[in-house]
Each structure stands twice: as C-alpha cells, then as structure tokens.
C-alpha cells in the first residue's frame, strides 16, 4: 500500500476532513483490492485455492485485519484469513445484510463502508468490499477486507475548528421555563471585578491560555501552557485571593495567541454585562481561548454560542437579548 503521507489532507470543517480522509483510504485500498480480486477470479470454484491467494496477499496488506471471499449472494466461501492464520468460524456466513454490503450491487465495484463498532472487539472498524467479476464482466462474488481504525496508516490530520459563529440550542425543558426562573446573586457575582482581574492576570502574565467562568456555580476552570493536558479548578475562595497568581509561574503572553492582550479584559467586561443585564435571561458561563480566539457562552435558557473574540466585541448587549429571545 502507498503511504498516507503521499496524500496530504486538509479540511476546514469536521465533515470535510472525514470525507477527505475516506477518499485517501479508498484510493489506497481500492487499487490493492482490485488487483487481488483479479487473482481470486481465476480460482472462485476452489475454496482452498482462494484461501491460498488471500494468505499470500495478506502480508502486502499490512493494515488489513481479515480477508475473505463471498459468493454473488453474499455467502462466505472462505475462512477469514488473518495475520495470525485462518479462522474457519465464519465459513458460510451470510453477509449480504451487513451495512457494508448495502448499496454495492449494481452501483459500484468498490465500496469503503462507514466506520462501525465491530461485533467482537467493540472497536471502530471499516470494511472495504470489491466486486469480483469474470472475464465477460459478470459478477462472480465479493472480496471483503476488514480494517481496525487503530491499525490503519496515519490518517489522522486534526481538522481546523470553524471560526464562524455557532449557536447550539440546549434542553427544551430549560428554555420553556426560562421566564419562571430568576437570577440569584452568586458569590462570584458579588466579587466579580476581583474575579475578572485575577483571571486576566493569569492569562496575561501566568501562562493560562484558556479560562472559563462558571458564574452561577462560583468556580472557574483553566488550562495552562506548561501542562496543557490537565485542566485546573479554582473555587471562589481562590478566585478572590490575588495571591493565587503566585502558584502559577510567570510566563510571557503566549506567542500563538491571536487575541491582543488589551482585549482580554474587554471580553471579560462584556461577560459581566451579559451576567447582569437581565434577571431571567443571563450568562451562566463564559470562556475565552486566546490561542484560537474563540469565546464560548452559555445562557440561562441553556443556549450556547461560540464565536471569534473580535466578532464578540463588535456586538452589544441588545444584540444578544434579541438573539436569545428569537
């Protein structure tokens, strides 16, 4: 098989990234299985000869978990040929109703299935199916190849999170009762200026690149550049004690940050406005990531919004309560 590195993948959203990766995998698998189907065609009537062909081919398909051949009605003609030997327990198994066989007959000669959870190991898997045709083009059967996603060539290319404003509606039960509830002053509300100042200092001078205020539950979570895989939780007592900053090493403002340092506090001030602007519809949680520049908001109506910091700063509170009331 070709190396995946010969097929660079880019994509500006999750679905497109997945589509491009599947396209590359189809190219890699399709050529190899087409050649193998040609060899199988010559010995379709001889199970043992078929298994010999598959056994000889498998070492050249190093990412393949199982190889097998089906007749033209989807019944398995061979054992499963694996990297560890032959498994005859699937002989005569009827596979035509399996999801990876759907849509292949009369449509295409090759299909790469959607990922599915395997029956035995319960792991994400793929199946590639290649139609086996005779010399005159008649359909003789199918060549199947199962793949474990963990064992495929390095297809993982982290997709780029979209920067467009995204609105996600939450629990309808909460939205329906929003005007029967009222904001109650939290401890964080009572000391909000100090809390915002502490987080501002942690981001500008102490290596924090992502901070989230949970206004209603009196806490904050943050991620630090020195230990980015672990989040830290600050209680209201810690958030209102400026000397908590001494627990974090002094670091320059992160070089990858796209949010100008002077606008971090501006974002936080709008959080404050959204927290107090209305007694029924109010900000429950707000976050800022200075690396990707994204602001996250969660309101009392359980609606969530994600957008770039500059777009967020360009909007006023009237905009937000018009959106939330729509």
C-alpha atoms as a PDB file:
ATOM      1  CA  UNK A   1       0.000   0.000   0.000  1.00  0.00           C
ATOM      2  CA  UNK A   2       1.054   3.564  -0.547  1.00  0.00           C
ATOM      3  CA  UNK A   3       1.978   5.717   2.421  1.00  0.00           C
ATOM      4  CA  UNK A   4      -0.716   8.091   3.553  1.00  0.00           C
ATOM      5  CA  UNK A   5       1.939  10.799   3.772  1.00  0.00           C
ATOM      6  CA  UNK A   6       1.844  10.979  -0.021  1.00  0.00           C
ATOM      7  CA  UNK A   7      -1.747  12.210   0.203  1.00  0.00           C
ATOM      8  CA  UNK A   8      -1.868  15.361   2.326  1.00  0.00           C
ATOM      9  CA  UNK A   9      -5.279  16.028   3.792  1.00  0.00           C
ATOM     10  CA  UNK A  10      -6.668  19.423   4.599  1.00  0.00           C
ATOM     11  CA  UNK A  11     -10.172  20.400   5.532  1.00  0.00           C
ATOM     12  CA  UNK A  12     -11.810  23.404   7.110  1.00  0.00           C
ATOM     13  CA  UNK A  13     -14.511  21.508   8.967  1.00  0.00           C
ATOM     14  CA  UNK A  14     -15.100  18.152  10.546  1.00  0.00           C
ATOM     15  CA  UNK A  15     -17.276  16.575   7.834  1.00  0.00           C
ATOM     16  CA  UNK A  16     -14.960  17.708   5.068  1.00  0.00           C
ATOM     17  CA  UNK A  17     -11.932  16.384   6.925  1.00  0.00           C
ATOM     18  CA  UNK A  18     -13.591  12.982   7.342  1.00  0.00           C
ATOM     19  CA  UNK A  19     -14.614  12.951   3.670  1.00  0.00           C
ATOM     20  CA  UNK A  20     -11.071  13.686   2.506  1.00  0.00           C
ATOM     21  CA  UNK A  21      -9.588  11.008   4.750  1.00  0.00           C
ATOM     22  CA  UNK A  22     -12.052   8.442   3.431  1.00  0.00           C
ATOM     23  CA  UNK A  23     -11.162   9.464  -0.106  1.00  0.00           C
ATOM     24  CA  UNK A  24      -7.476   8.791   0.557  1.00  0.00           C
ATOM     25  CA  UNK A  25      -8.214   5.447   2.201  1.00  0.00           C
ATOM     26  CA  UNK A  26     -10.378   4.443  -0.753  1.00  0.00           C
ATOM     27  CA  UNK A  27      -7.527   5.211  -3.140  1.00  0.00           C
ATOM     28  CA  UNK A  28      -5.046   3.195  -1.088  1.00  0.00           C
ATOM     29  CA  UNK A  29      -7.316   0.183  -0.573  1.00  0.00           C
ATOM     30  CA  UNK A  30      -9.149   0.251  -3.884  1.00  0.00           C
ATOM     31  CA  UNK A  31      -6.118  -0.358  -6.110  1.00  0.00           C
ATOM     32  CA  UNK A  32      -4.810  -3.199  -3.943  1.00  0.00           C
ATOM     33  CA  UNK A  33      -8.159  -4.972  -3.677  1.00  0.00           C
ATOM     34  CA  UNK A  34      -8.861  -4.634  -7.401  1.00  0.00           C
ATOM     35  CA  UNK A  35      -5.604  -6.464  -8.185  1.00  0.00           C
ATOM     36  CA  UNK A  36      -6.398  -9.133  -5.606  1.00  0.00           C
ATOM     37  CA  UNK A  37      -9.930  -9.600  -6.981  1.00  0.00           C
ATOM     38  CA  UNK A  38      -8.378 -10.386 -10.364  1.00  0.00           C
ATOM     39  CA  UNK A  39      -6.367 -13.210  -8.802  1.00  0.00           C
ATOM     40  CA  UNK A  40      -9.420 -14.539  -6.960  1.00  0.00           C
ATOM     41  CA  UNK A  41     -11.426 -14.612 -10.186  1.00  0.00           C
ATOM     42  CA  UNK A  42      -9.260 -17.423 -11.557  1.00  0.00           C
ATOM     43  CA  UNK A  43      -9.993 -19.807  -8.643  1.00  0.00           C
ATOM     44  CA  UNK A  44     -13.514 -18.891  -7.490  1.00  0.00           C
ATOM     45  CA  UNK A  45     -14.654 -22.512  -7.529  1.00  0.00           C
ATOM     46  CA  UNK A  46     -11.859 -23.756  -5.263  1.00  0.00           C
ATOM     47  CA  UNK A  47     -12.064 -22.701  -1.602  1.00  0.00           C
ATOM     48  CA  UNK A  48      -8.565 -23.844  -0.717  1.00  0.00           C
ATOM     49  CA  UNK A  49      -7.045 -22.108  -3.729  1.00  0.00           C
ATOM     50  CA  UNK A  50      -8.892 -18.916  -2.789  1.00  0.00           C
ATOM     51  CA  UNK A  51      -7.556 -19.106   0.744  1.00  0.00           C
ATOM     52  CA  UNK A  52      -4.043 -19.614  -0.599  1.00  0.00           C
ATOM     53  CA  UNK A  53      -4.389 -16.496  -2.754  1.00  0.00           C
ATOM     54  CA  UNK A  54      -5.627 -14.473   0.231  1.00  0.00           C
ATOM     55  CA  UNK A  55      -2.904 -15.851   2.515  1.00  0.00           C
ATOM     56  CA  UNK A  56      -0.204 -14.907   0.017  1.00  0.00           C
ATOM     57  CA  UNK A  57      -1.656 -11.420  -0.455  1.00  0.00           C
ATOM     58  CA  UNK A  58      -2.233 -10.558   3.201  1.00  0.00           C
ATOM     59  CA  UNK A  59       1.403  -9.679   4.087  1.00  0.00           C
ATOM     60  CA  UNK A  60       1.230  -6.959   1.421  1.00  0.00           C
ATOM     61  CA  UNK A  61      -1.901  -5.559   3.065  1.00  0.00           C
ATOM     62  CA  UNK A  62      -0.263  -4.907   6.402  1.00  0.00           C
ATOM     63  CA  UNK A  63      -3.161  -2.834   7.771  1.00  0.00           C
ATOM     64  CA  UNK A  64      -5.793  -5.457   6.967  1.00  0.00           C
ATOM     65  CA  UNK A  65      -7.312  -7.436   9.837  1.00  0.00           C
ATOM     66  CA  UNK A  66      -9.345 -10.010   7.845  1.00  0.00           C
ATOM     67  CA  UNK A  67      -9.591 -11.064   4.187  1.00  0.00           C
ATOM     68  CA  UNK A  68     -12.396 -13.264   2.847  1.00  0.00           C
ATOM     69  CA  UNK A  69     -14.367 -14.027  -0.317  1.00  0.00           C
ATOM     70  CA  UNK A  70     -18.161 -14.182  -0.692  1.00  0.00           C
ATOM     71  CA  UNK A  71     -20.221 -15.652  -3.490  1.00  0.00           C
ATOM     72  CA  UNK A  72     -22.521 -13.458  -5.567  1.00  0.00           C
ATOM     73  CA  UNK A  73     -25.295 -13.840  -2.969  1.00  0.00           C
ATOM     74  CA  UNK A  74     -23.104 -12.719  -0.078  1.00  0.00           C
ATOM     75  CA  UNK A  75     -22.382 -16.108   1.480  1.00  0.00           C
ATOM     76  CA  UNK A  76     -18.801 -16.540   2.657  1.00  0.00           C
ATOM     77  CA  UNK A  77     -16.803 -19.024   0.562  1.00  0.00           C
ATOM     78  CA  UNK A  78     -13.564 -18.919   2.563  1.00  0.00           C
ATOM     79  CA  UNK A  79     -12.360 -18.782   6.106  1.00  0.00           C
ATOM     80  CA  UNK A  80     -11.293 -15.404   7.432  1.00  0.00           C
ATOM     81  CA  UNK A  81      -7.613 -15.048   6.578  1.00  0.00           C
ATOM     82  CA  UNK A  82      -5.855 -13.092   9.325  1.00  0.00           C
ATOM     83  CA  UNK A  83      -2.314 -12.070  10.194  1.00  0.00           C
ATOM     84  CA  UNK A  84      -2.331 -14.942  12.709  1.00  0.00           C
ATOM     85  CA  UNK A  85      -3.714 -17.678  10.473  1.00  0.00           C
ATOM     86  CA  UNK A  86      -7.016 -18.968   9.162  1.00  0.00           C
ATOM     87  CA  UNK A  87     -10.298 -18.630  11.094  1.00  0.00           C
ATOM     88  CA  UNK A  88     -12.920 -21.007   9.701  1.00  0.00           C
ATOM     89  CA  UNK A  89     -15.642 -19.977  12.158  1.00  0.00           C
ATOM     90  CA  UNK A  90     -17.050 -17.517   9.581  1.00  0.00           C
ATOM     91  CA  UNK A  91     -17.220 -20.029   6.724  1.00  0.00           C
ATOM     92  CA  UNK A  92     -20.683 -19.979   5.029  1.00  0.00           C
ATOM     93  CA  UNK A  93     -21.646 -16.840   6.958  1.00  0.00           C
ATOM     94  CA  UNK A  94     -24.288 -14.777   5.153  1.00  0.00           C
ATOM     95  CA  UNK A  95     -23.075 -11.179   4.945  1.00  0.00           C
ATOM     96  CA  UNK A  96     -25.378  -9.614   2.345  1.00  0.00           C
ATOM     97  CA  UNK A  97     -27.482  -7.895   5.027  1.00  0.00           C
ATOM     98  CA  UNK A  98     -24.471  -6.313   6.722  1.00  0.00           C
ATOM     99  CA  UNK A  99     -24.271  -2.494   6.403  1.00  0.00           C
ATOM    100  CA  UNK A 100     -21.037  -2.577   4.385  1.00  0.00           C
ATOM    101  CA  UNK A 101     -22.760  -4.635   1.648  1.00  0.00           C
ATOM    102  CA  UNK A 102     -25.605  -2.198   1.185  1.00  0.00           C
ATOM    103  CA  UNK A 103     -25.547  -0.126  -1.979  1.00  0.00           C
ATOM    104  CA  UNK A 104     -22.781  -2.024  -3.731  1.00  0.00           C
ATOM    105  CA  UNK A 105     -24.701  -4.402  -6.033  1.00  0.00           C
ATOM    106  CA  UNK A 106     -25.389  -2.742  -9.358  1.00  0.00           C
ATOM    107  CA  UNK A 107     -23.945   0.585  -8.205  1.00  0.00           C
ATOM    108  CA  UNK A 108     -20.192   0.344  -7.850  1.00  0.00           C
ATOM    109  CA  UNK A 109     -17.451  -2.252  -7.870  1.00  0.00           C
ATOM    110  CA  UNK A 110     -15.755  -0.899  -4.759  1.00  0.00           C
ATOM    111  CA  UNK A 111     -17.128   0.420  -1.503  1.00  0.00           C
ATOM    112  CA  UNK A 112     -15.494   1.608   1.698  1.00  0.00           C
ATOM    113  CA  UNK A 113     -18.018   1.331   4.494  1.00  0.00           C
ATOM    114  CA  UNK A 114     -18.771   3.943   7.086  1.00  0.00           C
ATOM    115  CA  UNK A 115     -16.966   3.243  10.329  1.00  0.00           C
ATOM    116  CA  UNK A 116     -18.837   0.896  12.642  1.00  0.00           C
ATOM    117  CA  UNK A 117     -18.230  -0.768  16.015  1.00  0.00           C
ATOM    118  CA  UNK A 118     -17.019  -4.334  15.488  1.00  0.00           C
ATOM    119  CA  UNK A 119     -19.057  -7.172  16.978  1.00  0.00           C
ATOM    120  CA  UNK A 120     -16.216  -8.923  18.771  1.00  0.00           C
ATOM    121  CA  UNK A 121     -13.709  -6.336  19.975  1.00  0.00           C
ATOM    122  CA  UNK A 122     -16.167  -3.426  20.076  1.00  0.00           C
ATOM    123  CA  UNK A 123     -13.716  -1.140  18.292  1.00  0.00           C
ATOM    124  CA  UNK A 124     -14.231   1.307  15.401  1.00  0.00           C
ATOM    125  CA  UNK A 125     -13.686  -0.598  12.154  1.00  0.00           C
ATOM    126  CA  UNK A 126     -14.062  -0.284   8.390  1.00  0.00           C
ATOM    127  CA  UNK A 127     -14.826  -2.855   5.712  1.00  0.00           C
ATOM    128  CA  UNK A 128     -13.796  -2.490   2.089  1.00  0.00           C
ATOM    129  CA  UNK A 129     -15.709  -4.569  -0.468  1.00  0.00           C
ATOM    130  CA  UNK A 130     -14.549  -5.202  -4.037  1.00  0.00           C
ATOM    131  CA  UNK A 131     -16.782  -6.910  -6.613  1.00  0.00           C
ATOM    132  CA  UNK A 132     -15.116  -9.884  -8.300  1.00  0.00           C
ATOM    133  CA  UNK A 133     -16.029 -10.078 -11.995  1.00  0.00           C
ATOM    134  CA  UNK A 134     -15.470 -12.746 -14.592  1.00  0.00           C
ATOM    135  CA  UNK A 135     -13.752 -12.327 -17.931  1.00  0.00           C
ATOM    136  CA  UNK A 136     -17.023 -11.235 -19.536  1.00  0.00           C
ATOM    137  CA  UNK A 137     -17.804  -8.774 -16.776  1.00  0.00           C
ATOM    138  CA  UNK A 138     -20.299 -10.957 -14.941  1.00  0.00           C
ATOM    139  CA  UNK A 139     -20.438 -10.711 -11.160  1.00  0.00           C
ATOM    140  CA  UNK A 140     -18.883 -13.755  -9.504  1.00  0.00           C
ATOM    141  CA  UNK A 141     -18.731 -12.611  -5.908  1.00  0.00           C
ATOM    142  CA  UNK A 142     -17.126 -10.182  -3.487  1.00  0.00           C
ATOM    143  CA  UNK A 143     -13.748  -9.711  -1.868  1.00  0.00           C
ATOM    144  CA  UNK A 144     -14.007  -8.346   1.685  1.00  0.00           C
ATOM    145  CA  UNK A 145     -11.303  -6.714   3.794  1.00  0.00           C
ATOM    146  CA  UNK A 146     -11.821  -5.616   7.396  1.00  0.00           C
ATOM    147  CA  UNK A 147      -9.700  -2.897   8.983  1.00  0.00           C
ATOM    148  CA  UNK A 148      -9.313  -1.716  12.556  1.00  0.00           C
ATOM    149  CA  UNK A 149      -9.158   2.097  12.648  1.00  0.00           C
ATOM    150  CA  UNK A 150      -6.281   1.889  15.135  1.00  0.00           C
ATOM    151  CA  UNK A 151      -4.176  -0.073  12.659  1.00  0.00           C
ATOM    152  CA  UNK A 152      -4.764   2.000   9.538  1.00  0.00           C
ATOM    153  CA  UNK A 153      -1.984   4.204   8.143  1.00  0.00           C
ATOM    154  CA  UNK A 154      -1.717   7.584   9.771  1.00  0.00           C
ATOM    155  CA  UNK A 155      -4.891   9.196   8.513  1.00  0.00           C
ATOM    156  CA  UNK A 156      -5.273  11.470  11.478  1.00  0.00           C
ATOM    157  CA  UNK A 157      -4.990  15.091  10.425  1.00  0.00           C
ATOM    158  CA  UNK A 158      -6.576  17.270  13.052  1.00  0.00           C
ATOM    159  CA  UNK A 159      -9.319  19.274  11.413  1.00  0.00           C
ATOM    160  CA  UNK A 160      -9.494  23.028  11.796  1.00  0.00           C
ATOM    161  CA  UNK A 161     -12.290  24.166  14.047  1.00  0.00           C
ATOM    162  CA  UNK A 162     -14.569  26.619  12.190  1.00  0.00           C
ATOM    163  CA  UNK A 163     -14.443  30.242  13.308  1.00  0.00           C
ATOM    164  CA  UNK A 164     -17.969  31.145  12.252  1.00  0.00           C
ATOM    165  CA  UNK A 165     -20.497  31.998  14.930  1.00  0.00           C
ATOM    166  CA  UNK A 166     -22.181  28.788  16.045  1.00  0.00           C
ATOM    167  CA  UNK A 167     -25.381  28.678  18.074  1.00  0.00           C
ATOM    168  CA  UNK A 168     -26.436  25.441  19.797  1.00  0.00           C
ATOM    169  CA  UNK A 169     -29.821  25.199  21.464  1.00  0.00           C
ATOM    170  CA  UNK A 170     -29.975  23.310  24.727  1.00  0.00           C
ATOM    171  CA  UNK A 171     -32.566  21.458  26.775  1.00  0.00           C
ATOM    172  CA  UNK A 172     -36.114  22.451  25.640  1.00  0.00           C
ATOM    173  CA  UNK A 173     -37.377  21.977  29.191  1.00  0.00           C
ATOM    174  CA  UNK A 174     -34.995  24.663  30.427  1.00  0.00           C
ATOM    175  CA  UNK A 175     -35.791  27.006  27.535  1.00  0.00           C
ATOM    176  CA  UNK A 176     -39.519  26.612  28.158  1.00  0.00           C
ATOM    177  CA  UNK A 177     -39.217  27.618  31.791  1.00  0.00           C
ATOM    178  CA  UNK A 178     -36.721  30.435  31.456  1.00  0.00           C
ATOM    179  CA  UNK A 179     -39.193  33.152  32.460  1.00  0.00           C
ATOM    180  CA  UNK A 180     -40.230  31.226  35.568  1.00  0.00           C
ATOM    181  CA  UNK A 181     -36.694  31.486  36.924  1.00  0.00           C
ATOM    182  CA  UNK A 182     -34.680  34.439  38.127  1.00  0.00           C
ATOM    183  CA  UNK A 183     -31.005  35.047  38.569  1.00  0.00           C
ATOM    184  CA  UNK A 184     -29.810  34.765  42.151  1.00  0.00           C
ATOM    185  CA  UNK A 185     -26.670  36.636  43.127  1.00  0.00           C
ATOM    186  CA  UNK A 186     -23.834  34.144  43.391  1.00  0.00           C
ATOM    187  CA  UNK A 187     -20.702  34.674  45.448  1.00  0.00           C
ATOM    188  CA  UNK A 188     -18.882  35.251  42.177  1.00  0.00           C
ATOM    189  CA  UNK A 189     -21.401  37.936  41.200  1.00  0.00           C
ATOM    190  CA  UNK A 190     -20.711  39.744  44.448  1.00  0.00           C
ATOM    191  CA  UNK A 191     -16.972  39.887  43.773  1.00  0.00           C
ATOM    192  CA  UNK A 192     -16.990  39.788  40.008  1.00  0.00           C
ATOM    193  CA  UNK A 193     -14.481  42.598  39.428  1.00  0.00           C
ATOM    194  CA  UNK A 194     -11.860  40.878  41.544  1.00  0.00           C
ATOM    195  CA  UNK A 195     -12.550  37.533  39.857  1.00  0.00           C
ATOM    196  CA  UNK A 196     -12.177  39.019  36.373  1.00  0.00           C
ATOM    197  CA  UNK A 197      -8.951  40.729  37.408  1.00  0.00           C
ATOM    198  CA  UNK A 198      -7.433  37.503  38.723  1.00  0.00           C
ATOM    199  CA  UNK A 199      -8.233  35.604  35.508  1.00  0.00           C
ATOM    200  CA  UNK A 200      -6.933  38.498  33.428  1.00  0.00           C
ATOM    201  CA  UNK A 201      -3.628  38.357  35.310  1.00  0.00           C
ATOM    202  CA  UNK A 202      -3.371  34.585  34.941  1.00  0.00           C
ATOM    203  CA  UNK A 203      -3.818  34.858  31.181  1.00  0.00           C
ATOM    204  CA  UNK A 204      -1.606  37.886  30.558  1.00  0.00           C
ATOM    205  CA  UNK A 205       1.260  37.022  32.908  1.00  0.00           C
ATOM    206  CA  UNK A 206       0.958  33.466  34.188  1.00  0.00           C
ATOM    207  CA  UNK A 207       0.697  31.147  31.177  1.00  0.00           C
ATOM    208  CA  UNK A 208      -3.042  30.420  31.196  1.00  0.00           C
ATOM    209  CA  UNK A 209      -4.377  30.240  27.635  1.00  0.00           C
ATOM    210  CA  UNK A 210      -7.971  29.132  28.227  1.00  0.00           C
ATOM    211  CA  UNK A 211     -10.170  30.281  31.069  1.00  0.00           C
ATOM    212  CA  UNK A 212     -13.829  29.609  31.777  1.00  0.00           C
ATOM    213  CA  UNK A 213     -16.011  31.339  34.371  1.00  0.00           C
ATOM    214  CA  UNK A 214     -18.899  29.364  35.838  1.00  0.00           C
ATOM    215  CA  UNK A 215     -20.720  32.366  37.270  1.00  0.00           C
ATOM    216  CA  UNK A 216     -23.700  30.524  38.709  1.00  0.00           C
ATOM    217  CA  UNK A 217     -21.652  27.832  40.448  1.00  0.00           C
ATOM    218  CA  UNK A 218     -18.817  30.028  41.758  1.00  0.00           C
ATOM    219  CA  UNK A 219     -15.859  28.396  40.065  1.00  0.00           C
ATOM    220  CA  UNK A 220     -13.521  28.669  37.122  1.00  0.00           C
ATOM    221  CA  UNK A 221     -11.621  26.143  35.054  1.00  0.00           C
ATOM    222  CA  UNK A 222      -8.402  26.946  33.276  1.00  0.00           C
ATOM    223  CA  UNK A 223      -5.714  25.372  31.121  1.00  0.00           C
ATOM    224  CA  UNK A 224      -2.029  26.268  31.442  1.00  0.00           C
ATOM    225  CA  UNK A 225       0.527  26.215  28.629  1.00  0.00           C
ATOM    226  CA  UNK A 226       3.084  24.327  30.753  1.00  0.00           C
ATOM    227  CA  UNK A 227       0.668  21.425  31.308  1.00  0.00           C
ATOM    228  CA  UNK A 228      -1.953  21.669  28.557  1.00  0.00           C
ATOM    229  CA  UNK A 229      -3.485  18.218  29.003  1.00  0.00           C
ATOM    230  CA  UNK A 230      -4.737  18.936  32.525  1.00  0.00           C
ATOM    231  CA  UNK A 231      -7.371  21.477  33.496  1.00  0.00           C
ATOM    232  CA  UNK A 232      -7.354  23.188  36.858  1.00  0.00           C
ATOM    233  CA  UNK A 233     -10.314  24.126  39.002  1.00  0.00           C
ATOM    234  CA  UNK A 234     -10.393  27.319  41.056  1.00  0.00           C
ATOM    235  CA  UNK A 235     -13.027  27.808  43.750  1.00  0.00           C
ATOM    236  CA  UNK A 236     -14.495  31.179  44.653  1.00  0.00           C
ATOM    237  CA  UNK A 237     -12.108  31.484  47.614  1.00  0.00           C
ATOM    238  CA  UNK A 238      -9.138  31.054  45.270  1.00  0.00           C
ATOM    239  CA  UNK A 239     -10.567  33.327  42.600  1.00  0.00           C
ATOM    240  CA  UNK A 240     -10.962  36.162  45.068  1.00  0.00           C
ATOM    241  CA  UNK A 241      -7.436  35.827  46.503  1.00  0.00           C
ATOM    242  CA  UNK A 242      -4.966  37.613  44.200  1.00  0.00           C
ATOM    243  CA  UNK A 243      -2.047  35.750  45.734  1.00  0.00           C
ATOM    244  CA  UNK A 244      -3.308  32.632  43.921  1.00  0.00           C
ATOM    245  CA  UNK A 245      -1.316  34.030  40.990  1.00  0.00           C
ATOM    246  CA  UNK A 246       1.875  33.125  42.856  1.00  0.00           C
ATOM    247  CA  UNK A 247       1.001  29.453  42.393  1.00  0.00           C
ATOM    248  CA  UNK A 248       1.475  29.849  38.633  1.00  0.00           C
ATOM    249  CA  UNK A 249       4.906  30.513  37.090  1.00  0.00           C
ATOM    250  CA  UNK A 250       5.384  33.809  35.363  1.00  0.00           C
ATOM    251  CA  UNK A 251       5.214  33.377  31.585  1.00  0.00           C
ATOM    252  CA  UNK A 252       5.150  35.807  28.661  1.00  0.00           C
ATOM    253  CA  UNK A 253       1.880  36.211  26.817  1.00  0.00           C
ATOM    254  CA  UNK A 254       1.707  33.165  24.592  1.00  0.00           C
ATOM    255  CA  UNK A 255       3.289  33.589  21.171  1.00  0.00           C
ATOM    256  CA  UNK A 256       0.430  31.720  19.474  1.00  0.00           C
ATOM    257  CA  UNK A 257      -2.259  33.952  20.974  1.00  0.00           C
ATOM    258  CA  UNK A 258      -4.364  35.814  18.416  1.00  0.00           C
ATOM    259  CA  UNK A 259      -6.285  37.861  20.983  1.00  0.00           C
ATOM    260  CA  UNK A 260      -4.472  41.166  21.627  1.00  0.00           C
ATOM    261  CA  UNK A 261      -3.544  41.361  25.327  1.00  0.00           C
ATOM    262  CA  UNK A 262      -5.519  44.554  25.841  1.00  0.00           C
ATOM    263  CA  UNK A 263      -8.724  42.915  24.629  1.00  0.00           C
ATOM    264  CA  UNK A 264      -8.766  40.037  27.103  1.00  0.00           C
ATOM    265  CA  UNK A 265     -10.239  42.255  29.807  1.00  0.00           C
ATOM    266  CA  UNK A 266     -12.658  43.768  27.268  1.00  0.00           C
ATOM    267  CA  UNK A 267     -14.089  40.304  26.626  1.00  0.00           C
ATOM    268  CA  UNK A 268     -14.446  39.734  30.357  1.00  0.00           C
ATOM    269  CA  UNK A 269     -16.240  43.055  30.831  1.00  0.00           C
ATOM    270  CA  UNK A 270     -18.869  42.007  28.304  1.00  0.00           C
ATOM    271  CA  UNK A 271     -19.269  38.757  30.225  1.00  0.00           C
ATOM    272  CA  UNK A 272     -20.082  40.933  33.225  1.00  0.00           C
ATOM    273  CA  UNK A 273     -22.649  42.931  31.254  1.00  0.00           C
ATOM    274  CA  UNK A 274     -24.331  39.773  29.999  1.00  0.00           C
ATOM    275  CA  UNK A 275     -24.407  38.380  33.506  1.00  0.00           C
ATOM    276  CA  UNK A 276     -26.313  41.352  34.962  1.00  0.00           C
ATOM    277  CA  UNK A 277     -28.296  42.769  32.014  1.00  0.00           C
ATOM    278  CA  UNK A 278     -31.458  40.708  32.570  1.00  0.00           C
ATOM    279  CA  UNK A 279     -32.852  38.836  35.553  1.00  0.00           C
ATOM    280  CA  UNK A 280     -34.394  35.988  33.516  1.00  0.00           C
ATOM    281  CA  UNK A 281     -32.007  35.532  30.620  1.00  0.00           C
ATOM    282  CA  UNK A 282     -28.426  35.843  31.814  1.00  0.00           C
ATOM    283  CA  UNK A 283     -24.958  34.450  31.233  1.00  0.00           C
ATOM    284  CA  UNK A 284     -24.279  31.288  33.246  1.00  0.00           C
ATOM    285  CA  UNK A 285     -20.779  30.570  31.917  1.00  0.00           C
ATOM    286  CA  UNK A 286     -18.293  32.294  29.629  1.00  0.00           C
ATOM    287  CA  UNK A 287     -14.917  31.208  28.292  1.00  0.00           C
ATOM    288  CA  UNK A 288     -12.041  32.643  26.271  1.00  0.00           C
ATOM    289  CA  UNK A 289      -9.253  30.806  24.476  1.00  0.00           C
ATOM    290  CA  UNK A 290      -6.532  33.246  23.433  1.00  0.00           C
ATOM    291  CA  UNK A 291      -4.887  30.744  21.048  1.00  0.00           C
ATOM    292  CA  UNK A 292      -7.810  30.158  18.696  1.00  0.00           C
ATOM    293  CA  UNK A 293      -9.519  33.385  19.738  1.00  0.00           C
ATOM    294  CA  UNK A 294     -12.836  31.708  20.488  1.00  0.00           C
ATOM    295  CA  UNK A 295     -15.370  32.921  23.032  1.00  0.00           C
ATOM    296  CA  UNK A 296     -17.889  30.452  24.473  1.00  0.00           C
ATOM    297  CA  UNK A 297     -21.146  31.498  26.125  1.00  0.00           C
ATOM    298  CA  UNK A 298     -23.838  29.534  27.937  1.00  0.00           C
ATOM    299  CA  UNK A 299     -27.027  31.307  28.962  1.00  0.00           C
ATOM    300  CA  UNK A 300     -29.789  30.564  31.464  1.00  0.00           C
ATOM    301  CA  UNK A 301     -32.022  29.425  28.592  1.00  0.00           C
ATOM    302  CA  UNK A 302     -29.391  26.688  28.016  1.00  0.00           C
ATOM    303  CA  UNK A 303     -28.409  28.168  24.676  1.00  0.00           C
ATOM    304  CA  UNK A 304     -24.706  28.062  23.812  1.00  0.00           C
ATOM    305  CA  UNK A 305     -22.755  30.269  21.400  1.00  0.00           C
ATOM    306  CA  UNK A 306     -19.218  30.129  20.035  1.00  0.00           C
ATOM    307  CA  UNK A 307     -17.577  32.907  18.039  1.00  0.00           C
ATOM    308  CA  UNK A 308     -14.314  34.756  17.486  1.00  0.00           C
ATOM    309  CA  UNK A 309     -13.363  37.341  20.093  1.00  0.00           C
ATOM    310  CA  UNK A 310     -13.412  40.246  17.603  1.00  0.00           C
ATOM    311  CA  UNK A 311     -16.919  39.388  16.417  1.00  0.00           C
ATOM    312  CA  UNK A 312     -17.976  39.099  20.053  1.00  0.00           C
ATOM    313  CA  UNK A 313     -16.514  42.504  20.916  1.00  0.00           C
ATOM    314  CA  UNK A 314     -18.313  44.082  17.974  1.00  0.00           C
ATOM    315  CA  UNK A 315     -21.744  43.138  19.343  1.00  0.00           C
ATOM    316  CA  UNK A 316     -23.625  44.877  22.150  1.00  0.00           C
ATOM    317  CA  UNK A 317     -25.966  43.512  24.794  1.00  0.00           C
ATOM    318  CA  UNK A 318     -29.051  44.492  22.762  1.00  0.00           C
ATOM    319  CA  UNK A 319     -27.872  42.093  20.062  1.00  0.00           C
ATOM    320  CA  UNK A 320     -27.614  39.201  22.497  1.00  0.00           C
ATOM    321  CA  UNK A 321     -31.001  39.523  24.046  1.00  0.00           C
ATOM    322  CA  UNK A 322     -32.574  39.885  20.605  1.00  0.00           C
ATOM    323  CA  UNK A 323     -30.920  36.608  19.554  1.00  0.00           C
ATOM    324  CA  UNK A 324     -31.851  34.764  22.727  1.00  0.00           C
ATOM    325  CA  UNK A 325     -35.446  35.869  22.505  1.00  0.00           C
ATOM    326  CA  UNK A 326     -35.859  34.750  18.896  1.00  0.00           C
END
